[in-house]
C-alpha cells in the first residue's frame, strides 16, 4: 500500500515539474518583449516586470518537489555516501523525520495562513498595474504541500530499503 502512495506522489511531482519547466518559454517571451519595447521603442510596459516575477515564481515553486523527487537538492554527503545502503537509509530517515518534515510542514502551515489572509483580502500588488497576488501566494502554499508529500515519499522509500523490499515491487 505505501509503495503505491510513494509511486503516486513521485509520479505527480515528476509530471508537475516537467510541466512547470515549460513556463520558461513564456518567461523568455515576456522578457524579450519587454527588452524590445524598452530599448527599441523606448516604451516599457507597466506589466512586464511583474509578469516575469510571477512566471519565475511559478516556475521556481513548482520545481521544488520535482527537484526533491529527482534528488537534486544540495546535499553534503561526503561521509554518508560511503555508508552501506541500509545505514544511509537510517540516516535519511532520521534527517527527514527530524528536520525535513517538521520544517517543510511549518513552511506549509505559515505560507497557508499567509495565502489565506491574502485570498480573503483579495490582495493586489502595490504597483500601478496592480495585479492580484493572492493566487501566487496560494500557489506557494500548495507547492510547500507538494514538497512535504515528496518528503513522505522519501521516508517510505527509506523504510522499504530497511525492510529489504525493492523499489520495483510492492
N, C-alpha and C. Protein backbone atom coordinates (compact mmCIF):
# COMPACT_ATOMS: atom_id res chain seq x y z
N UNK A 1 0.82 -1.20 0.00
CA UNK A 1 0.00 0.00 0.00
C UNK A 1 0.86 1.27 0.00
N UNK A 2 1.84 1.33 0.92
CA UNK A 2 2.72 2.50 0.97
C UNK A 2 3.53 2.66 -0.31
N UNK A 3 3.85 1.53 -0.94
CA UNK A 3 4.57 1.55 -2.20
C UNK A 3 3.79 2.37 -3.23
N UNK A 4 2.48 2.15 -3.30
CA UNK A 4 1.65 2.84 -4.28
C UNK A 4 1.47 4.32 -3.93
N UNK A 5 1.44 4.62 -2.65
CA UNK A 5 1.37 6.02 -2.22
C UNK A 5 2.63 6.75 -2.68
N UNK A 6 3.78 6.14 -2.43
CA UNK A 6 5.05 6.73 -2.83
C UNK A 6 5.14 6.89 -4.34
N UNK A 7 4.74 5.87 -5.07
CA UNK A 7 4.76 5.94 -6.54
C UNK A 7 3.84 7.04 -7.05
N UNK A 8 2.66 7.17 -6.42
CA UNK A 8 1.72 8.22 -6.83
C UNK A 8 2.29 9.61 -6.60
N UNK A 9 2.88 9.82 -5.43
CA UNK A 9 3.48 11.12 -5.11
C UNK A 9 4.62 11.41 -6.08
N UNK A 10 5.47 10.41 -6.31
CA UNK A 10 6.60 10.59 -7.23
C UNK A 10 6.12 10.93 -8.64
N UNK A 11 5.11 10.19 -9.10
CA UNK A 11 4.60 10.43 -10.45
C UNK A 11 3.99 11.82 -10.59
N UNK A 12 3.21 12.21 -9.60
CA UNK A 12 2.59 13.53 -9.63
C UNK A 12 3.65 14.63 -9.67
N UNK A 13 4.62 14.55 -8.77
CA UNK A 13 5.64 15.59 -8.70
C UNK A 13 6.54 15.60 -9.93
N UNK A 14 6.77 14.44 -10.52
CA UNK A 14 7.57 14.40 -11.75
C UNK A 14 6.82 15.08 -12.89
N UNK A 15 5.54 14.77 -13.05
CA UNK A 15 4.74 15.40 -14.11
C UNK A 15 4.59 16.91 -13.87
N UNK A 16 4.40 17.29 -12.61
CA UNK A 16 4.28 18.70 -12.26
C UNK A 16 5.56 19.46 -12.60
N UNK A 17 6.70 18.87 -12.28
CA UNK A 17 7.98 19.51 -12.58
C UNK A 17 8.23 19.62 -14.08
N UNK A 18 7.90 18.57 -14.80
CA UNK A 18 8.09 18.60 -16.25
C UNK A 18 7.19 19.64 -16.89
N UNK A 19 5.95 19.72 -16.42
CA UNK A 19 5.02 20.72 -16.97
C UNK A 19 5.48 22.13 -16.61
N UNK A 20 5.96 22.31 -15.39
CA UNK A 20 6.38 23.66 -14.97
C UNK A 20 7.63 24.12 -15.71
N UNK A 21 8.41 23.18 -16.22
CA UNK A 21 9.60 23.58 -16.97
C UNK A 21 9.21 24.35 -18.23
N UNK A 22 8.00 24.10 -18.72
CA UNK A 22 7.54 24.81 -19.92
C UNK A 22 7.26 26.29 -19.65
N UNK A 23 7.18 26.67 -18.38
CA UNK A 23 6.98 28.09 -18.05
C UNK A 23 8.18 28.94 -18.45
N UNK A 24 9.31 28.31 -18.72
CA UNK A 24 10.48 29.07 -19.18
C UNK A 24 10.21 29.70 -20.54
N UNK A 25 9.34 29.11 -21.33
CA UNK A 25 9.05 29.63 -22.68
C UNK A 25 8.30 30.97 -22.61
N UNK A 26 7.14 31.03 -21.91
CA UNK A 26 6.51 32.35 -21.83
C UNK A 26 7.35 33.37 -21.05
N UNK A 27 8.12 32.90 -20.08
CA UNK A 27 9.01 33.79 -19.33
C UNK A 27 10.00 34.44 -20.29
N UNK A 28 10.61 33.64 -21.12
CA UNK A 28 11.55 34.16 -22.11
C UNK A 28 10.85 35.12 -23.07
N UNK A 29 9.64 34.77 -23.49
CA UNK A 29 8.89 35.63 -24.40
C UNK A 29 8.59 36.99 -23.81
N UNK A 30 8.17 37.02 -22.55
CA UNK A 30 7.86 38.29 -21.89
C UNK A 30 9.12 39.13 -21.72
N UNK A 31 10.23 38.49 -21.35
CA UNK A 31 11.49 39.24 -21.18
C UNK A 31 11.94 39.83 -22.51
N UNK A 32 11.89 39.04 -23.57
CA UNK A 32 12.29 39.54 -24.89
C UNK A 32 11.39 40.70 -25.32
N UNK A 33 10.09 40.53 -25.12
CA UNK A 33 9.14 41.58 -25.49
C UNK A 33 9.43 42.87 -24.71
N UNK A 34 9.65 42.73 -23.41
CA UNK A 34 9.91 43.90 -22.57
C UNK A 34 11.20 44.61 -22.98
N UNK A 35 12.25 43.85 -23.24
CA UNK A 35 13.52 44.44 -23.67
C UNK A 35 13.34 45.14 -25.01
N UNK A 36 12.64 44.50 -25.92
CA UNK A 36 12.38 45.08 -27.24
C UNK A 36 11.60 46.39 -27.11
N UNK A 37 10.53 46.37 -26.32
CA UNK A 37 9.73 47.58 -26.15
C UNK A 37 10.51 48.70 -25.47
N UNK A 38 11.33 48.32 -24.51
CA UNK A 38 12.08 49.33 -23.75
C UNK A 38 13.19 49.96 -24.58
N UNK A 39 13.98 49.13 -25.26
CA UNK A 39 15.18 49.66 -25.92
C UNK A 39 15.01 49.99 -27.40
N UNK A 40 14.03 49.40 -28.05
CA UNK A 40 13.81 49.73 -29.46
C UNK A 40 12.81 50.87 -29.60
N UNK A 41 11.69 50.79 -28.85
CA UNK A 41 10.64 51.80 -28.97
C UNK A 41 10.62 52.80 -27.81
N UNK A 42 11.49 52.59 -26.83
CA UNK A 42 11.52 53.45 -25.64
C UNK A 42 10.14 53.55 -24.98
N UNK A 43 9.42 52.42 -24.98
CA UNK A 43 8.08 52.36 -24.39
C UNK A 43 7.95 51.11 -23.52
N UNK A 44 8.56 51.11 -22.35
CA UNK A 44 8.47 49.94 -21.48
C UNK A 44 7.02 49.71 -21.03
N UNK A 45 6.71 48.46 -20.75
CA UNK A 45 5.36 48.13 -20.30
C UNK A 45 5.26 48.31 -18.79
N UNK A 46 4.05 48.50 -18.30
CA UNK A 46 3.85 48.59 -16.86
C UNK A 46 3.72 47.21 -16.24
N UNK A 47 3.48 46.21 -17.05
CA UNK A 47 3.22 44.86 -16.55
C UNK A 47 4.38 43.90 -16.72
N UNK A 48 5.36 44.22 -17.53
CA UNK A 48 6.43 43.28 -17.88
C UNK A 48 7.21 42.74 -16.69
N UNK A 49 7.62 43.62 -15.81
CA UNK A 49 8.42 43.19 -14.67
C UNK A 49 7.64 42.24 -13.77
N UNK A 50 6.39 42.58 -13.48
CA UNK A 50 5.60 41.73 -12.58
C UNK A 50 5.25 40.39 -13.23
N UNK A 51 4.96 40.39 -14.50
CA UNK A 51 4.66 39.12 -15.16
C UNK A 51 5.89 38.20 -15.13
N UNK A 52 7.07 38.76 -15.38
CA UNK A 52 8.28 37.92 -15.30
C UNK A 52 8.50 37.43 -13.87
N UNK A 53 8.22 38.27 -12.89
CA UNK A 53 8.36 37.84 -11.49
C UNK A 53 7.39 36.72 -11.17
N UNK A 54 6.15 36.85 -11.59
CA UNK A 54 5.15 35.81 -11.32
C UNK A 54 5.50 34.51 -12.04
N UNK A 55 5.86 34.61 -13.30
CA UNK A 55 6.21 33.39 -14.05
C UNK A 55 7.42 32.69 -13.44
N UNK A 56 8.40 33.48 -13.03
CA UNK A 56 9.57 32.86 -12.39
C UNK A 56 9.18 32.24 -11.05
N UNK A 57 8.31 32.91 -10.30
CA UNK A 57 7.85 32.36 -9.01
C UNK A 57 7.13 31.04 -9.23
N UNK A 58 6.26 30.99 -10.23
CA UNK A 58 5.56 29.73 -10.54
C UNK A 58 6.56 28.65 -10.93
N UNK A 59 7.48 29.01 -11.79
CA UNK A 59 8.49 28.06 -12.28
C UNK A 59 9.32 27.52 -11.13
N UNK A 60 9.78 28.40 -10.26
CA UNK A 60 10.63 28.03 -9.13
C UNK A 60 9.87 27.18 -8.12
N UNK A 61 8.71 27.65 -7.70
CA UNK A 61 7.96 26.96 -6.65
C UNK A 61 7.45 25.60 -7.13
N UNK A 62 6.99 25.52 -8.36
CA UNK A 62 6.51 24.24 -8.87
C UNK A 62 7.65 23.25 -9.07
N UNK A 63 8.87 23.74 -9.13
CA UNK A 63 10.02 22.86 -9.30
C UNK A 63 10.60 22.33 -8.00
N UNK A 64 10.14 22.83 -6.85
CA UNK A 64 10.70 22.38 -5.57
C UNK A 64 10.52 20.88 -5.36
N UNK A 65 9.29 20.40 -5.48
CA UNK A 65 9.03 18.99 -5.23
C UNK A 65 9.64 18.11 -6.32
N UNK A 66 9.70 18.64 -7.55
CA UNK A 66 10.35 17.89 -8.63
C UNK A 66 11.83 17.71 -8.33
N UNK A 67 12.47 18.77 -7.86
CA UNK A 67 13.89 18.70 -7.52
C UNK A 67 14.13 17.69 -6.40
N UNK A 68 13.24 17.67 -5.42
CA UNK A 68 13.37 16.69 -4.33
C UNK A 68 13.13 15.28 -4.87
N UNK A 69 12.18 15.14 -5.75
CA UNK A 69 11.88 13.84 -6.36
C UNK A 69 13.09 13.29 -7.12
N UNK A 70 13.81 14.18 -7.79
CA UNK A 70 14.96 13.78 -8.59
C UNK A 70 16.26 13.79 -7.79
N UNK A 71 16.14 14.02 -6.48
CA UNK A 71 17.29 14.06 -5.57
C UNK A 71 18.29 15.14 -6.01
N UNK A 72 17.75 16.29 -6.37
CA UNK A 72 18.58 17.35 -6.91
C UNK A 72 18.93 18.47 -5.96
N UNK A 73 18.37 18.45 -4.76
CA UNK A 73 18.73 19.50 -3.80
C UNK A 73 20.14 19.27 -3.27
N UNK A 74 20.76 20.35 -2.86
CA UNK A 74 22.14 20.30 -2.38
C UNK A 74 22.22 19.41 -1.14
N UNK A 75 23.19 18.51 -1.14
CA UNK A 75 23.43 17.63 -0.01
C UNK A 75 24.92 17.59 0.29
N UNK A 76 25.24 17.47 1.54
CA UNK A 76 26.63 17.26 1.93
C UNK A 76 26.71 15.79 2.30
N UNK A 77 27.10 14.99 1.33
CA UNK A 77 27.09 13.55 1.54
C UNK A 77 28.49 12.94 1.44
N UNK A 78 29.49 13.71 1.79
CA UNK A 78 30.86 13.24 1.70
C UNK A 78 31.09 12.01 2.59
N UNK A 79 30.41 11.96 3.72
CA UNK A 79 30.56 10.80 4.62
C UNK A 79 29.45 9.78 4.40
N UNK A 80 28.22 10.25 4.27
CA UNK A 80 27.09 9.33 4.16
C UNK A 80 27.13 8.51 2.87
N UNK A 81 27.72 9.03 1.81
CA UNK A 81 27.77 8.28 0.56
C UNK A 81 28.67 7.04 0.67
N UNK A 82 29.52 7.00 1.66
CA UNK A 82 30.41 5.86 1.86
C UNK A 82 29.79 4.78 2.75
N UNK A 83 28.63 5.06 3.30
CA UNK A 83 27.94 4.09 4.16
C UNK A 83 27.21 3.06 3.31
N UNK A 84 26.96 1.88 3.87
CA UNK A 84 26.14 0.90 3.16
C UNK A 84 24.70 1.42 3.01
N UNK A 85 23.94 0.90 2.04
CA UNK A 85 22.58 1.40 1.76
C UNK A 85 21.66 1.43 2.98
N UNK A 86 21.71 0.42 3.83
CA UNK A 86 20.82 0.42 5.00
C UNK A 86 21.21 1.49 6.01
N UNK A 87 22.49 1.75 6.17
CA UNK A 87 22.94 2.82 7.07
C UNK A 87 22.55 4.18 6.49
N UNK A 88 22.66 4.33 5.17
CA UNK A 88 22.21 5.55 4.53
C UNK A 88 20.71 5.75 4.74
N UNK A 89 19.95 4.66 4.65
CA UNK A 89 18.51 4.74 4.86
C UNK A 89 18.18 5.18 6.28
N UNK A 90 18.90 4.66 7.26
CA UNK A 90 18.68 5.07 8.65
C UNK A 90 18.99 6.56 8.81
N UNK A 91 20.10 7.00 8.27
CA UNK A 91 20.48 8.42 8.35
C UNK A 91 19.43 9.30 7.66
N UNK A 92 18.98 8.87 6.49
CA UNK A 92 17.95 9.63 5.77
C UNK A 92 16.65 9.67 6.56
N UNK A 93 16.28 8.55 7.16
CA UNK A 93 15.06 8.51 7.98
C UNK A 93 15.15 9.51 9.14
N UNK A 94 16.29 9.54 9.77
CA UNK A 94 16.47 10.46 10.90
C UNK A 94 16.39 11.91 10.42
N UNK A 95 17.13 12.24 9.38
CA UNK A 95 17.16 13.64 8.92
C UNK A 95 15.82 14.08 8.35
N UNK A 96 15.15 13.21 7.63
CA UNK A 96 13.84 13.58 7.09
C UNK A 96 12.79 13.70 8.19
N UNK A 97 12.84 12.81 9.16
CA UNK A 97 11.86 12.83 10.24
C UNK A 97 12.09 13.99 11.20
N UNK A 98 13.35 14.26 11.50
CA UNK A 98 13.66 15.29 12.50
C UNK A 98 13.76 16.69 11.88
N UNK A 99 14.24 16.79 10.66
CA UNK A 99 14.46 18.11 10.06
C UNK A 99 13.50 18.42 8.91
N UNK A 100 13.53 17.61 7.87
CA UNK A 100 12.82 17.93 6.64
C UNK A 100 11.31 18.06 6.84
N UNK A 101 10.70 17.03 7.41
CA UNK A 101 9.25 17.04 7.56
C UNK A 101 8.77 18.18 8.47
N UNK A 102 9.36 18.36 9.67
CA UNK A 102 8.88 19.48 10.51
C UNK A 102 9.08 20.85 9.86
N UNK A 103 10.23 21.08 9.25
CA UNK A 103 10.49 22.39 8.64
C UNK A 103 9.55 22.61 7.46
N UNK A 104 9.39 21.61 6.62
CA UNK A 104 8.50 21.75 5.46
C UNK A 104 7.05 21.92 5.91
N UNK A 105 6.66 21.20 6.95
CA UNK A 105 5.30 21.35 7.47
C UNK A 105 5.08 22.78 7.97
N UNK A 106 6.04 23.32 8.71
CA UNK A 106 5.90 24.70 9.19
C UNK A 106 5.87 25.69 8.04
N UNK A 107 6.68 25.45 7.01
CA UNK A 107 6.66 26.33 5.84
C UNK A 107 5.29 26.28 5.17
N UNK A 108 4.71 25.07 5.07
CA UNK A 108 3.37 24.95 4.50
C UNK A 108 2.35 25.65 5.38
N UNK A 109 2.40 25.39 6.68
CA UNK A 109 1.42 25.95 7.60
C UNK A 109 1.42 27.48 7.57
N UNK A 110 2.59 28.08 7.67
CA UNK A 110 2.66 29.53 7.70
C UNK A 110 2.39 30.15 6.33
N UNK A 111 2.82 29.50 5.27
CA UNK A 111 2.52 30.04 3.94
C UNK A 111 1.02 29.92 3.66
N UNK A 112 0.37 28.88 4.20
CA UNK A 112 -1.07 28.74 4.01
C UNK A 112 -1.82 29.87 4.72
N UNK A 113 -1.41 30.18 5.95
CA UNK A 113 -2.03 31.30 6.68
C UNK A 113 -1.82 32.61 5.93
N UNK A 114 -0.61 32.80 5.45
CA UNK A 114 -0.24 33.99 4.68
C UNK A 114 -1.10 34.08 3.42
N UNK A 115 -1.25 32.96 2.71
CA UNK A 115 -2.02 32.93 1.46
C UNK A 115 -3.51 33.12 1.74
N UNK A 116 -4.01 32.49 2.80
CA UNK A 116 -5.43 32.59 3.10
C UNK A 116 -5.81 34.03 3.47
N UNK A 117 -4.96 34.69 4.23
CA UNK A 117 -5.21 36.10 4.57
C UNK A 117 -5.21 36.95 3.30
N UNK A 118 -4.28 36.68 2.42
CA UNK A 118 -4.20 37.39 1.15
C UNK A 118 -5.43 37.12 0.30
N UNK A 119 -5.88 35.87 0.29
CA UNK A 119 -7.04 35.48 -0.51
C UNK A 119 -8.30 36.18 0.01
N UNK A 120 -8.47 36.18 1.32
CA UNK A 120 -9.66 36.82 1.91
C UNK A 120 -9.70 38.31 1.61
N UNK A 121 -8.54 38.95 1.60
CA UNK A 121 -8.46 40.38 1.32
C UNK A 121 -8.36 40.70 -0.15
N UNK A 122 -8.33 39.66 -1.00
CA UNK A 122 -8.14 39.87 -2.45
C UNK A 122 -6.99 40.84 -2.71
N UNK A 123 -5.86 40.51 -2.08
CA UNK A 123 -4.68 41.38 -2.11
C UNK A 123 -4.19 41.62 -3.53
N UNK A 124 -3.83 42.85 -3.78
CA UNK A 124 -3.28 43.24 -5.08
C UNK A 124 -1.89 43.81 -4.88
N UNK A 125 -1.13 43.82 -5.95
CA UNK A 125 0.20 44.41 -5.91
C UNK A 125 0.08 45.92 -5.71
N UNK A 126 1.14 46.49 -5.18
CA UNK A 126 1.16 47.92 -4.90
C UNK A 126 1.53 48.75 -6.12
N UNK A 127 1.85 48.11 -7.25
CA UNK A 127 2.29 48.84 -8.44
C UNK A 127 1.10 49.47 -9.16
N UNK A 128 1.40 50.26 -10.18
CA UNK A 128 0.34 50.92 -10.95
C UNK A 128 -0.51 49.91 -11.73
N UNK A 129 0.08 48.79 -12.10
CA UNK A 129 -0.68 47.76 -12.81
C UNK A 129 -1.62 47.03 -11.85
N UNK A 130 -1.18 46.81 -10.63
CA UNK A 130 -1.95 46.25 -9.52
C UNK A 130 -2.63 44.90 -9.82
N UNK A 131 -1.86 43.91 -10.25
CA UNK A 131 -2.48 42.59 -10.46
C UNK A 131 -2.74 41.91 -9.11
N UNK A 132 -3.69 40.98 -9.08
CA UNK A 132 -3.90 40.24 -7.83
C UNK A 132 -2.70 39.35 -7.53
N UNK A 133 -2.28 39.34 -6.27
CA UNK A 133 -1.15 38.48 -5.91
C UNK A 133 -1.54 37.32 -5.01
N UNK A 134 -2.81 37.26 -4.62
CA UNK A 134 -3.24 36.15 -3.78
C UNK A 134 -3.13 34.80 -4.48
N UNK A 135 -3.31 34.69 -5.81
CA UNK A 135 -3.10 33.38 -6.43
C UNK A 135 -1.64 32.91 -6.33
N UNK A 136 -0.71 33.84 -6.42
CA UNK A 136 0.71 33.50 -6.30
C UNK A 136 1.01 32.98 -4.89
N UNK A 137 0.44 33.64 -3.90
CA UNK A 137 0.66 33.21 -2.52
C UNK A 137 -0.01 31.86 -2.25
N UNK A 138 -1.16 31.62 -2.85
CA UNK A 138 -1.83 30.34 -2.69
C UNK A 138 -1.00 29.22 -3.35
N UNK A 139 -0.44 29.51 -4.51
CA UNK A 139 0.40 28.53 -5.18
C UNK A 139 1.63 28.21 -4.33
N UNK A 140 2.18 29.21 -3.69
CA UNK A 140 3.34 29.00 -2.83
C UNK A 140 3.00 28.00 -1.73
N UNK A 141 1.85 28.15 -1.11
CA UNK A 141 1.43 27.23 -0.05
C UNK A 141 1.24 25.82 -0.61
N UNK A 142 0.60 25.71 -1.76
CA UNK A 142 0.40 24.38 -2.36
C UNK A 142 1.72 23.71 -2.71
N UNK A 143 2.67 24.49 -3.17
CA UNK A 143 3.97 23.92 -3.53
C UNK A 143 4.72 23.41 -2.30
N UNK A 144 4.56 24.08 -1.17
CA UNK A 144 5.15 23.55 0.06
C UNK A 144 4.46 22.25 0.48
N UNK A 145 3.16 22.15 0.22
CA UNK A 145 2.45 20.90 0.48
C UNK A 145 2.99 19.78 -0.41
N UNK A 146 3.21 20.07 -1.69
CA UNK A 146 3.76 19.07 -2.60
C UNK A 146 5.16 18.64 -2.15
N UNK A 147 5.95 19.59 -1.68
CA UNK A 147 7.29 19.28 -1.17
C UNK A 147 7.20 18.40 0.07
N UNK A 148 6.27 18.70 0.95
CA UNK A 148 6.05 17.89 2.15
C UNK A 148 5.67 16.47 1.76
N UNK A 149 4.77 16.33 0.80
CA UNK A 149 4.37 14.99 0.34
C UNK A 149 5.55 14.24 -0.27
N UNK A 150 6.41 14.95 -0.98
CA UNK A 150 7.59 14.29 -1.55
C UNK A 150 8.51 13.80 -0.44
N UNK A 151 8.60 14.55 0.65
CA UNK A 151 9.37 14.10 1.81
C UNK A 151 8.78 12.82 2.40
N UNK A 152 7.47 12.72 2.43
CA UNK A 152 6.80 11.49 2.90
C UNK A 152 7.17 10.34 1.98
N UNK A 153 7.20 10.59 0.68
CA UNK A 153 7.58 9.55 -0.28
C UNK A 153 9.01 9.08 -0.03
N UNK A 154 9.91 10.01 0.25
CA UNK A 154 11.30 9.64 0.54
C UNK A 154 11.36 8.76 1.79
N UNK A 155 10.60 9.11 2.80
CA UNK A 155 10.58 8.31 4.03
C UNK A 155 10.08 6.89 3.73
N UNK A 156 9.03 6.79 2.93
CA UNK A 156 8.52 5.46 2.55
C UNK A 156 9.59 4.65 1.85
N UNK A 157 10.32 5.28 0.95
CA UNK A 157 11.39 4.58 0.22
C UNK A 157 12.50 4.11 1.17
N UNK A 158 12.83 4.94 2.16
CA UNK A 158 13.87 4.55 3.11
C UNK A 158 13.41 3.37 3.97
N UNK A 159 12.16 3.37 4.35
CA UNK A 159 11.61 2.24 5.11
C UNK A 159 11.66 0.97 4.26
N UNK A 160 11.35 1.10 2.98
CA UNK A 160 11.39 -0.06 2.08
C UNK A 160 12.82 -0.60 1.95
N UNK A 161 13.79 0.31 1.92
CA UNK A 161 15.19 -0.13 1.86
C UNK A 161 15.54 -0.91 3.12
N UNK A 162 15.12 -0.39 4.27
CA UNK A 162 15.42 -1.06 5.54
C UNK A 162 14.74 -2.42 5.67
N UNK A 163 13.57 -2.56 5.07
CA UNK A 163 12.86 -3.84 5.15
C UNK A 163 13.28 -4.80 4.04
N UNK A 164 14.18 -4.35 3.16
CA UNK A 164 14.70 -5.22 2.12
C UNK A 164 13.82 -5.36 0.89
N UNK A 165 12.86 -4.47 0.74
CA UNK A 165 11.98 -4.53 -0.43
C UNK A 165 12.54 -3.65 -1.53
N UNK A 166 12.49 -4.16 -2.74
CA UNK A 166 12.96 -3.42 -3.91
C UNK A 166 11.98 -2.32 -4.26
N UNK A 167 12.45 -1.27 -4.89
CA UNK A 167 11.56 -0.20 -5.32
C UNK A 167 10.65 -0.63 -6.46
N UNK A 168 10.96 -1.73 -7.11
CA UNK A 168 10.19 -2.15 -8.27
C UNK A 168 9.04 -3.09 -7.94
N UNK A 169 8.91 -3.51 -6.71
CA UNK A 169 7.82 -4.42 -6.37
C UNK A 169 7.12 -3.96 -5.11
N UNK A 170 5.80 -4.18 -5.04
CA UNK A 170 5.04 -3.75 -3.85
C UNK A 170 5.35 -4.55 -2.62
